Amino acid sequence: MGKTLITIDNLDQFIHGNKLVMDSAKILTPGARDELCKRGVQISYDEATAHCAHGECSQHAHDGHDEHCDDLLIGVAAIIKQHYGITDPDELRKVTLETVAVIGKSLHA
């Protein structure tokens, strides 16, 4: 699996709301980091990706709710990492997404 290089030229593709969520598959160039600072965009480093478990992130990117998905994923990943000791990025991502999907199903039931 390759890494994604985030530069000034493609930076806007990765900003959701006012946040850029970094994970082990992304590399941020110094110029892009400087641009984020100028814009006041928050950089979050976490292995949980900025994907919504209930499949509505593309909609959220347009209606402004995507940062709630990010916050939920980051929070769940932190709890799983702390309480269950899962540190492998792929396993943490998998368990986090599965957990959030179950939460989403129970909320919509």
Protein backbone atom coordinates (compact mmCIF):
# COMPACT_ATOMS: atom_id res chain seq x y z
CA MET A 1 0.00 0.00 0.00
CA GLY A 2 1.43 3.36 -1.05
CA LYS A 3 1.49 6.59 0.84
CA THR A 4 -0.44 9.71 -0.14
CA LEU A 5 1.62 12.89 -0.37
CA ILE A 6 -0.36 15.95 0.71
CA THR A 7 0.98 19.13 -0.89
CA ILE A 8 -0.23 22.70 -1.29
CA ASP A 9 -1.65 21.71 -4.67
CA ASN A 10 -3.92 18.90 -3.39
CA LEU A 11 -4.43 20.09 0.20
CA ASP A 12 -8.10 21.04 -0.21
CA GLN A 13 -9.00 17.44 -1.09
CA PHE A 14 -8.09 16.34 2.44
CA ILE A 15 -9.56 19.15 4.56
CA HIS A 16 -12.95 18.34 6.12
CA GLY A 17 -14.62 21.20 7.89
CA ASN A 18 -11.68 22.93 9.50
CA LYS A 19 -9.65 19.77 10.14
CA LEU A 20 -7.11 17.58 8.39
CA VAL A 21 -6.95 14.07 9.83
CA MET A 22 -3.58 12.42 9.29
CA ASP A 23 -2.90 8.71 9.46
CA SER A 24 -0.04 6.38 8.60
CA ALA A 25 -0.97 6.42 4.91
CA LYS A 26 -0.48 10.20 4.52
CA ILE A 27 2.63 12.36 4.32
CA LEU A 28 2.30 16.13 4.79
CA THR A 29 4.87 18.38 3.11
CA PRO A 30 6.31 21.32 5.06
CA GLY A 31 4.73 23.77 2.61
CA ALA A 32 1.30 22.19 3.09
CA ARG A 33 1.77 22.33 6.88
CA ASP A 34 2.60 26.05 6.64
CA GLU A 35 -0.52 26.64 4.52
CA LEU A 36 -2.67 24.83 7.09
CA CYS A 37 -1.28 27.07 9.82
CA LYS A 38 -2.02 30.19 7.74
CA ARG A 39 -5.62 29.02 7.24
CA GLY A 40 -6.07 28.00 10.87
CA VAL A 41 -6.86 24.39 9.93
CA GLN A 42 -6.44 21.88 12.77
CA ILE A 43 -4.21 18.87 12.09
CA SER A 44 -5.25 15.71 13.89
CA TYR A 45 -2.91 12.73 14.03
CA ASP A 46 -4.80 9.48 14.49
CA GLU A 47 -4.93 6.06 12.91
CA ALA A 48 -8.70 6.24 12.51
CA THR A 49 -9.37 7.60 9.06
CA ALA A 50 -11.79 10.34 8.24
CA HIS A 51 -14.36 7.97 6.83
CA CYS A 52 -17.87 7.76 8.08
CA ALA A 53 -18.98 4.24 9.04
CA HIS A 54 -22.53 4.79 7.85
CA GLY A 55 -21.46 5.82 4.34
CA GLU A 56 -22.61 9.42 4.37
CA CYS A 57 -19.27 11.25 4.37
CA SER A 58 -19.67 12.47 0.81
CA GLN A 59 -22.93 14.07 1.88
CA HIS A 60 -21.36 15.41 5.07
CA ALA A 61 -18.55 17.04 3.12
CA HIS A 62 -21.21 19.23 1.51
CA ASP A 63 -23.49 19.90 4.48
CA GLY A 64 -20.84 20.56 7.14
CA HIS A 65 -21.42 17.53 9.40
CA ASP A 66 -18.26 15.63 8.52
CA GLU A 67 -16.27 16.82 11.52
CA HIS A 68 -18.77 15.06 13.80
CA CYS A 69 -17.90 11.79 12.05
CA ASP A 70 -14.21 12.56 12.46
CA ASP A 71 -14.64 13.32 16.15
CA LEU A 72 -16.61 10.12 16.72
CA LEU A 73 -14.04 7.96 14.91
CA ILE A 74 -11.13 9.58 16.72
CA GLY A 75 -12.83 9.20 20.10
CA VAL A 76 -13.78 5.57 19.53
CA ALA A 77 -10.26 4.75 18.27
CA ALA A 78 -8.72 6.37 21.35
CA ILE A 79 -10.98 4.36 23.68
CA ILE A 80 -10.25 1.10 21.87
CA LYS A 81 -6.52 1.81 21.88
CA GLN A 82 -6.46 2.70 25.58
CA HIS A 83 -8.80 0.04 26.96
CA TYR A 84 -8.01 -2.89 24.70
CA GLY A 85 -4.38 -2.18 23.85
CA ILE A 86 -4.87 -2.41 20.09
CA THR A 87 -2.00 -0.49 18.53
CA ASP A 88 -1.69 -2.04 15.07
CA PRO A 89 -3.01 0.70 12.72
CA ASP A 90 -4.90 -1.66 10.41
CA GLU A 91 -6.49 -3.58 13.28
CA LEU A 92 -7.36 -0.34 15.11
CA ARG A 93 -8.97 1.07 11.96
CA LYS A 94 -10.96 -2.15 11.40
CA VAL A 95 -12.22 -2.43 14.99
CA THR A 96 -13.04 1.30 15.13
CA LEU A 97 -15.09 1.23 11.93
CA GLU A 98 -16.91 -1.94 13.01
CA THR A 99 -17.71 -0.42 16.40
CA VAL A 100 -19.02 2.83 14.92
CA ALA A 101 -21.10 0.88 12.39
CA VAL A 102 -22.74 -1.09 15.23
CA ILE A 103 -23.40 2.15 17.13
CA GLY A 104 -24.93 3.67 14.00
CA LYS A 105 -27.18 0.67 13.42
CA SER A 106 -28.45 0.73 16.99
CA LEU A 107 -29.16 4.46 16.76
CA HIS A 108 -31.12 4.07 13.53
CA ALA A 109 -33.03 0.93 14.64
